[in-house]
Protein backbone atom coordinates (compact mmCIF):
# COMPACT_ATOMS: atom_id res chain seq x y z
CA MET A 1 137.06 100.54 94.28
CA TYR A 2 135.65 103.39 95.38
CA THR A 3 132.84 103.38 91.98
CA LEU A 4 132.42 99.98 92.88
CA LEU A 5 131.53 100.31 96.70
CA LEU A 6 129.02 103.07 95.48
CA ALA A 7 127.65 100.31 93.01
CA ILE A 8 127.25 98.06 96.01
CA ILE A 9 125.85 100.71 98.30
CA TYR A 10 123.12 101.37 95.51
CA LEU A 11 122.33 97.63 95.02
CA ALA A 12 121.67 97.70 99.01
CA PHE A 13 118.92 100.59 98.55
CA ILE A 14 117.54 98.55 95.82
CA SER A 15 117.11 95.85 98.24
CA LEU A 16 115.22 98.28 100.85
CA GLY A 17 112.75 99.46 98.20
CA LEU A 18 111.76 95.94 97.28
CA PRO A 19 109.57 94.79 100.15
CA ASP A 20 108.51 98.51 100.77
CA SER A 21 105.47 98.43 98.05
CA LEU A 22 104.28 95.10 98.11
CA LEU A 23 101.92 95.28 100.74
CA GLY A 24 99.90 98.28 98.79
CA ALA A 25 100.07 96.74 96.17
CA SER A 26 98.51 93.43 97.57
CA TRP A 27 96.62 94.43 99.91
CA PRO A 28 92.96 94.42 98.12
CA THR A 29 93.88 90.72 96.98
CA ILE A 30 95.27 89.66 100.51
CA TYR A 31 92.38 91.01 103.19
CA LEU A 32 90.05 89.37 100.61
CA GLU A 33 91.88 85.64 100.53
CA MET A 34 91.79 86.31 104.46
CA GLU A 35 88.90 87.64 105.17
CA VAL A 36 89.54 90.67 107.10
CA PRO A 37 88.82 93.87 106.98
CA ILE A 38 90.55 96.07 104.58
CA SER A 39 91.84 98.42 107.69
CA TYR A 40 94.01 95.44 108.94
CA MET A 41 96.75 96.81 107.13
CA GLY A 42 97.21 99.01 109.46
CA ILE A 43 98.35 96.63 111.65
CA ILE A 44 100.97 95.13 109.62
CA THR A 45 102.49 97.87 109.02
CA MET A 46 102.12 99.57 112.28
CA ILE A 47 104.40 96.01 113.40
CA ILE A 48 106.59 96.35 110.58
CA ALA A 49 107.22 100.30 110.99
CA GLY A 50 107.42 99.34 115.02
CA CYS A 51 110.15 97.00 114.42
CA THR A 52 111.46 99.54 112.35
CA ILE A 53 111.91 102.05 115.04
CA LEU A 54 113.21 100.06 117.66
CA SER A 55 116.29 98.64 114.62
CA SER A 56 116.70 102.32 113.87
CA LEU A 57 117.10 103.54 117.68
CA CYS A 58 119.34 100.84 117.61
CA SER A 59 121.89 101.22 114.67
CA ASN A 60 124.24 103.91 115.68
CA PHE A 61 125.13 101.10 118.57
CA LEU A 62 125.07 98.38 116.03
CA ASN A 63 127.55 99.98 113.66
CA ARG A 64 129.77 100.96 116.33
CA LYS A 65 129.86 96.97 116.99
CA LEU A 66 129.81 95.46 113.80
CA GLY A 67 130.43 98.18 111.19
CA THR A 68 127.70 98.85 108.14
CA LYS A 69 128.92 96.20 106.25
CA TYR A 70 127.51 93.57 108.91
CA VAL A 71 124.90 95.04 109.85
CA THR A 72 123.59 96.02 106.01
CA ILE A 73 124.06 92.36 105.04
CA ILE A 74 122.38 91.01 108.30
CA SER A 75 119.47 93.28 107.37
CA VAL A 76 118.76 92.25 103.81
CA PHE A 77 118.97 88.23 104.58
CA LEU A 78 116.32 89.09 107.34
CA THR A 79 114.07 90.62 105.07
CA ALA A 80 114.55 88.02 102.85
CA PHE A 81 113.29 85.62 105.43
CA ALA A 82 110.50 87.87 106.02
CA LEU A 83 109.13 87.98 102.50
CA PHE A 84 109.27 84.04 102.12
CA GLY A 85 107.21 83.68 105.37
CA PHE A 86 104.93 86.20 103.87
CA SER A 87 104.70 83.89 100.60
CA PHE A 88 103.62 81.12 102.67
CA SER A 89 101.32 82.88 104.97
CA ILE A 90 97.38 81.37 104.92
CA TYR A 91 96.22 83.18 107.90
CA PHE A 92 96.59 86.87 109.36
CA TRP A 93 98.28 86.48 112.32
CA MET A 94 101.33 84.54 110.49
CA LEU A 95 101.30 87.94 108.81
CA ILE A 96 102.16 89.62 112.03
CA ILE A 97 104.31 87.14 113.14
CA PHE A 98 106.55 87.34 110.10
CA ALA A 99 106.26 91.41 109.80
CA ILE A 100 109.06 91.46 112.73
CA PRO A 101 111.42 90.30 110.65
CA TYR A 102 110.65 92.67 107.70
CA GLY A 103 110.81 95.48 110.37
CA LEU A 104 113.87 94.92 111.92
CA GLY A 105 115.90 94.29 108.48
CA ALA A 106 114.40 97.44 107.41
CA GLY A 107 115.19 99.90 110.11
CA ALA A 108 118.53 98.64 110.52
CA ILE A 109 120.02 98.66 106.67
CA ASP A 110 118.17 102.20 106.74
CA ALA A 111 120.14 104.07 109.24
CA ALA A 112 123.21 102.63 108.62
CA LEU A 113 123.56 103.22 104.81
CA ASN A 114 121.76 106.78 105.44
CA ASN A 115 124.58 107.59 107.90
CA TYR A 116 127.25 106.35 106.07
CA VAL A 117 126.27 108.17 102.76
CA ALA A 118 125.69 111.36 104.85
CA LEU A 119 129.23 111.71 105.68
CA HIS A 120 131.36 109.87 103.30
CA TYR A 121 129.48 111.41 100.22
CA LYS A 122 128.06 114.56 97.91
CA ALA A 123 124.65 115.54 98.20
CA LYS A 124 123.86 114.16 94.53
CA HIS A 125 125.23 110.32 95.52
CA MET A 126 122.36 110.65 98.79
CA SER A 127 119.37 112.06 95.84
CA TRP A 128 120.65 108.75 93.67
CA LEU A 129 121.48 106.38 96.38
CA HIS A 130 117.52 106.86 96.92
CA CYS A 131 116.38 107.00 93.75
CA PHE A 132 117.25 103.04 93.23
CA TRP A 133 115.65 102.81 96.68
CA GLY A 134 113.00 103.63 94.33
CA VAL A 135 113.94 101.64 91.30
CA GLY A 136 112.91 98.95 93.89
CA ALA A 137 109.72 100.07 95.01
CA ILE A 138 108.86 100.19 91.45
CA VAL A 139 109.86 96.59 90.37
CA SER A 140 107.64 95.07 93.47
CA PRO A 141 104.02 96.64 92.12
CA PHE A 142 104.67 95.47 88.50
CA ILE A 143 105.99 91.99 89.41
CA MET A 144 102.83 91.60 92.01
CA SER A 145 100.51 93.07 88.79
CA TYR A 146 101.86 90.26 86.98
CA SER A 147 101.76 88.03 89.77
CA LEU A 148 98.48 88.93 90.74
CA ILE A 149 97.06 88.01 86.80
CA ASN A 150 99.00 84.89 86.21
CA PHE A 151 99.36 83.73 89.29
CA ASN A 152 98.49 84.36 92.79
CA TRP A 153 99.79 87.17 95.78
CA SER A 154 101.84 84.64 97.31
CA PHE A 155 104.02 83.81 94.07
CA GLY A 156 104.74 88.30 93.95
CA TYR A 157 106.22 87.39 97.55
CA ARG A 158 108.58 84.45 96.49
CA ILE A 159 109.70 86.46 93.59
CA ILE A 160 110.88 89.51 95.71
CA GLY A 161 112.37 87.09 98.46
CA ILE A 162 114.44 85.13 95.88
CA ILE A 163 115.75 89.08 93.91
CA GLN A 164 116.44 89.60 97.88
CA LEU A 165 118.90 86.76 98.75
CA VAL A 166 120.42 87.27 95.80
CA ILE A 167 121.75 90.74 96.73
CA ALA A 168 122.76 89.69 99.97
CA PHE A 169 124.99 87.29 98.65
CA ILE A 170 126.34 90.06 96.38
CA LEU A 171 126.89 91.70 99.58
CA LEU A 172 128.36 88.98 101.20
CA ILE A 173 131.29 88.99 98.43
CA SER A 174 131.23 92.71 98.55
CA ILE A 175 133.18 93.06 102.12
CA PRO A 176 136.91 93.67 101.13
CA LEU A 177 135.37 96.67 99.49
CA TRP A 178 134.28 98.49 102.48
CA LYS A 179 138.04 98.98 103.97
CA ILE A 180 137.97 101.21 101.22
CA ASN A 181 136.32 104.65 103.58
CA SER A 182 137.72 102.63 107.03
CA LYS A 183 140.74 105.78 107.32
CA LYS A 184 137.86 108.43 107.03
CA ASP A 185 135.75 106.39 109.56
CA GLU A 186 138.53 106.53 111.54
CA ASP A 187 138.89 110.12 111.13
CA ILE A 188 135.37 110.85 112.27
CA LYS A 189 134.98 110.26 116.09
CA GLN A 190 131.45 110.13 116.11
CA ASN A 191 129.32 110.65 119.42
CA ASN A 192 127.53 107.97 121.12
CA ILE A 193 125.30 109.78 122.75
CA GLY A 194 121.42 109.17 124.20
CA LEU A 195 117.83 109.82 122.88
CA PHE A 196 117.46 112.52 125.37
CA LYS A 197 120.66 114.03 125.00
CA VAL A 198 120.30 114.03 120.81
CA LEU A 199 116.78 116.37 121.62
CA LYS A 200 118.29 118.87 123.84
CA ILE A 201 120.26 119.46 120.73
CA LYS A 202 118.55 122.89 119.41
CA GLY A 203 116.50 122.56 116.20
CA VAL A 204 116.31 119.15 116.36
CA VAL A 205 112.85 118.01 117.53
CA LEU A 206 111.57 120.23 114.99
CA LEU A 207 113.42 118.72 112.63
CA LEU A 208 111.99 115.23 113.86
CA ILE A 209 108.26 116.68 113.78
CA GLY A 210 108.88 117.59 110.07
CA PHE A 211 110.15 114.25 109.25
CA PHE A 212 107.48 112.30 110.77
CA ALA A 213 105.43 114.49 109.17
CA TYR A 214 107.09 113.99 105.54
CA CYS A 215 106.82 110.49 106.38
CA ALA A 216 103.18 110.51 107.11
CA LEU A 217 102.45 111.60 103.78
CA GLU A 218 104.76 109.49 101.97
CA ALA A 219 103.78 106.21 103.35
CA THR A 220 100.25 107.48 103.24
CA ALA A 221 100.24 107.37 99.28
CA MET A 222 102.68 104.61 99.28
CA SER A 223 100.56 102.36 101.34
CA TRP A 224 97.25 103.47 100.31
CA ALA A 225 97.38 103.95 96.50
CA SER A 226 96.10 100.86 95.58
CA THR A 227 92.91 100.41 97.22
CA TYR A 228 92.18 104.31 96.41
CA PHE A 229 92.01 103.79 93.07
CA VAL A 230 89.71 100.72 93.57
CA GLU A 231 87.57 102.71 96.42
CA VAL A 232 87.27 105.97 95.05
CA LYS A 233 87.58 105.45 91.03
CA GLY A 234 86.49 101.62 90.59
CA VAL A 235 89.38 100.33 89.05
CA ASN A 236 90.23 97.00 89.47
CA GLU A 237 92.75 95.33 91.79
CA GLU A 238 94.98 94.41 89.39
CA ARG A 239 95.05 97.29 87.37
CA ALA A 240 95.24 99.42 90.61
CA ALA A 241 98.33 97.58 91.64
CA LEU A 242 99.68 98.87 88.50
CA PHE A 243 98.91 102.13 89.37
CA ALA A 244 100.40 102.15 92.98
CA SER A 245 103.64 102.09 90.94
CA LEU A 246 103.24 105.37 89.72
CA PHE A 247 103.79 107.21 92.76
CA TYR A 248 107.13 105.60 93.09
CA ILE A 249 107.64 106.10 89.15
CA GLY A 250 107.80 110.13 90.39
CA MET A 251 109.63 109.96 92.62
CA THR A 252 112.68 107.92 91.37
CA PHE A 253 112.54 109.84 88.40
CA SER A 254 112.65 113.12 90.65
CA ARG A 255 115.76 111.73 92.47
CA PHE A 256 117.49 110.98 89.56
CA LEU A 257 117.18 114.12 88.38
CA SER A 258 117.68 116.19 91.17
CA GLY A 259 120.94 114.40 91.63
CA PHE A 260 122.53 116.64 89.04
CA PHE A 261 121.24 120.19 90.69
CA SER A 262 121.20 118.78 94.72
CA ASP A 263 125.22 119.86 94.80
CA LYS A 264 124.59 123.50 93.89
CA LEU A 265 121.30 124.24 95.06
CA GLY A 266 121.68 122.71 98.47
CA ASP A 267 119.70 120.76 100.36
CA ARG A 268 117.59 123.72 101.84
CA LYS A 269 116.15 124.69 98.70
CA MET A 270 116.05 121.25 97.30
CA ILE A 271 113.33 120.68 100.08
CA LEU A 272 111.37 123.50 98.78
CA ILE A 273 110.85 122.44 94.98
CA GLY A 274 109.97 119.41 96.27
CA ILE A 275 106.91 120.36 98.84
CA ILE A 276 105.72 123.15 95.60
CA VAL A 277 105.68 119.76 92.83
CA ALA A 278 104.10 117.85 96.25
CA LEU A 279 101.81 120.53 96.93
CA ILE A 280 100.58 120.48 92.97
CA GLY A 281 100.06 117.07 93.28
CA ILE A 282 97.94 117.20 95.98
CA ILE A 283 96.07 119.89 93.90
CA PHE A 284 95.16 117.23 91.03
CA LEU A 285 94.34 114.67 93.69
CA PHE A 286 91.12 117.43 94.26
CA ILE A 287 89.69 117.15 91.06
CA PRO A 288 86.28 114.70 91.20
CA SER A 289 86.20 113.10 87.49
CA SER A 290 88.15 109.84 86.48
CA TYR A 291 91.45 108.16 87.89
CA ILE A 292 93.16 110.49 84.71
CA PHE A 293 93.02 113.26 87.27
CA ALA A 294 94.10 111.13 90.03
CA ILE A 295 97.14 109.00 87.69
CA VAL A 296 98.41 112.39 87.16
CA GLY A 297 98.91 113.55 90.53
CA PHE A 298 99.98 110.47 92.41
CA VAL A 299 102.89 111.04 89.85
CA VAL A 300 103.29 114.52 90.84
CA LEU A 301 102.90 114.32 94.32
CA GLY A 302 106.02 111.18 93.67
CA ILE A 303 107.83 114.44 91.80
CA GLY A 304 107.42 116.78 94.48
CA CYS A 305 108.53 114.13 97.22
CA GLY A 306 111.57 113.28 95.71
CA PRO A 307 114.20 114.96 96.91
CA ILE A 308 112.91 115.93 100.14
CA TYR A 309 113.79 112.46 102.09
CA PRO A 310 117.62 112.64 101.04
CA SER A 311 118.38 116.48 101.42
CA ILE A 312 116.62 116.09 105.19
CA ILE A 313 119.77 113.10 105.47
CA HIS A 314 121.96 114.79 103.44
CA SER A 315 121.45 118.02 105.61
CA THR A 316 122.30 116.44 108.82
CA PRO A 317 125.94 116.63 109.39
CA PHE A 318 126.05 120.64 108.35
CA ASN A 319 123.61 121.24 110.30
CA PHE A 320 124.00 118.98 113.92
CA GLY A 321 128.02 118.60 112.97
CA LYS A 322 129.62 115.17 112.02
CA GLU A 323 129.94 113.92 115.28
CA ASN A 324 126.67 113.95 116.13
CA THR A 325 125.18 112.63 112.28
CA GLY A 326 124.94 108.84 113.26
CA SER A 327 122.72 109.47 117.03
CA ILE A 328 120.99 111.82 115.33
CA ILE A 329 120.13 110.04 111.84
CA GLY A 330 119.32 106.68 113.73
CA VAL A 331 116.98 108.79 115.89
CA GLN A 332 115.49 110.95 112.53
CA MET A 333 114.91 107.25 110.69
CA ALA A 334 112.81 106.31 113.90
CA SER A 335 110.65 109.26 113.66
CA ALA A 336 110.15 108.81 110.04
CA TYR A 337 109.02 105.28 110.83
CA ILE A 338 107.03 106.60 113.82
CA GLY A 339 104.73 108.79 111.29
CA SER A 340 104.54 105.28 108.77
CA THR A 341 103.42 103.88 111.67
CA PHE A 342 100.80 105.88 113.22
CA MET A 343 99.35 108.09 110.42
CA SER A 344 99.11 105.91 107.63
CA PRO A 345 97.26 103.19 109.49
CA LEU A 346 95.25 106.91 110.73
CA PHE A 347 94.37 107.00 107.13
CA GLY A 348 93.00 104.03 106.69
CA TYR A 349 90.73 103.74 110.27
CA LEU A 350 89.40 107.27 109.01
CA ALA A 351 88.82 106.49 105.40
CA LYS A 352 87.16 103.26 106.89
CA ILE A 353 84.86 106.13 108.28
CA ILE A 354 84.56 108.82 105.88
CA GLY A 355 85.17 107.69 102.45
CA PHE A 356 89.07 107.26 100.36
CA ASP A 357 88.55 110.87 98.85
CA PHE A 358 89.82 112.31 102.15
CA MET A 359 93.17 111.25 101.05
CA ALA A 360 94.12 115.06 99.39
CA ILE A 361 93.34 116.24 102.83
CA TYR A 362 95.14 113.86 104.47
CA LEU A 363 98.44 114.26 102.97
CA LEU A 364 97.76 117.84 102.46
CA ILE A 365 97.90 118.55 106.02
CA PHE A 366 100.97 116.86 106.51
CA LEU A 367 103.33 119.03 103.63
CA VAL A 368 101.76 122.09 105.05
CA LEU A 369 103.16 120.56 108.91
CA SER A 370 106.38 119.29 106.95
CA PHE A 371 107.63 122.25 105.00
CA SER A 372 106.71 124.36 108.35
CA MET A 373 108.72 122.08 110.71
CA LEU A 374 111.65 121.86 108.18
CA GLU A 375 112.24 125.40 107.46
CA LEU A 376 112.43 126.43 111.52
CA THR A 377 114.81 123.78 111.95
CA PHE A 378 117.32 125.32 109.04
CA TYR A 379 116.03 128.97 110.28
CA LEU A 380 117.57 127.62 113.32
CA THR A 381 120.25 125.67 113.04
CA ARG A 382 121.99 128.76 110.05
CA ASN A 383 121.64 131.27 112.94
CA THR A 384 123.70 128.67 115.04
CA HIS A 385 126.41 128.30 112.42
CA LEU A 386 126.05 132.34 111.84
CA ASN A 387 126.81 132.48 116.00
CA ASN A 388 129.60 130.22 115.39
CA SER A 389 131.44 131.85 113.21
CA LYS A 390 131.61 134.91 114.97
C-alpha cells in the first residue's frame, strides 16, 4: 500500500509536468497562426503563473480543509479542462481565459504534493518525484512535434488533455490509499501562519529570493528554448519543438540519478553540484556556432538544474521545522511562480529588442543570484541549529 501510494503521487507529478513544456514548444506556431507578436507568450505565462501564485498561497488552507488527496484530484481535473480549452481556442483572448484554470490547478497540486513528500518521505523520493515531473515535461514536446508535423498544435493539446483526464480518474479511484499516512499527519501539528509571519522567520526571505532566481532561470530555459533555436540557430519550428525537450531530458535524467545520492550527500551539496553543472551548460550557450553547442548547452543546463529544485523543497522541514513546512512551502511555490511570471516574459521583451542570443547572459545572472542567496540561507539556518543544540 505504501509503495502503491508513492506510485500514485509520482503519476500525479507526471500530470503536473505535462502542461508545463507545452506552451513553449507550440508557441512558434501559435503566434503566427493567431497573428500576435512573439512576445505575447509572456502574457499567457504571466496569467498562468499569477493564478498559480494565488493557489500556492492558498494551498496550506486548502490542504487543511480538503486534504492533499482531494486538492490533487481537483487540480488535475482543472488542468485537463484548461488543456481542452486551449485546444479549441482560435483567438488569443480565448487562450487568456483558459490560462486561468491552467494556473490555478498547477499551483495547488504543486504545493500540496511537495509539502506531503517533504514531510513523509526521504530526499531520494523528492528527487524521483520531480524526475516524474520531468517525464511529463519531456513527453509534451514530442507529442507537440508529432502533432505539428502530422496535424496541428490544437491536436497536441487535445492529446495531453486526454492523458490528464485518464490520470485524474486514476487518482480518483486511489482515494483509500491516502489513509496510510493519516496517523503521521495527526502527529505533525503544522502551524497555519500567515504570509507576514512566514517572512519574519530567520532565513526565509533569502530562501525565497534564491528560489525566485532559480525558477526565473528554469522558466526562461523552458519557455524560450524552442524560440531560441528558431531565432538564433535558424532551426525550423518542428525541429525546434523537438529540441525544446532537451532541457527536460537533461533535468529528468539528473533527478533520477541524484535520487541515488541525495540521502548520502544532503540537500546543500546537491544544490552546489547542480549549480556548478548548470554553469557549464550556460558556458556552452556562449559559444557562437551551429546549433550543436546549443543542444549540448541545454542538455547540460538541464542536468545541472535537476537536483536544485527538489533539494530546496526537501530542506525546508530541517531548516525551518516541520510545524512551519506547510506554510513556508506554499510561499516558496508562490516565490517560484513570481520568478516565472515576471522574469521569463521580461526575457521575451528584452530579446525582442536586443536579440535572443542574450539568453546566456540572462541565465547566468539568475544562476549567480540563486547560488548566493541559497548559500546564505543554509549558513543562517545552520547557525540557528547550532545555537538550538547548545
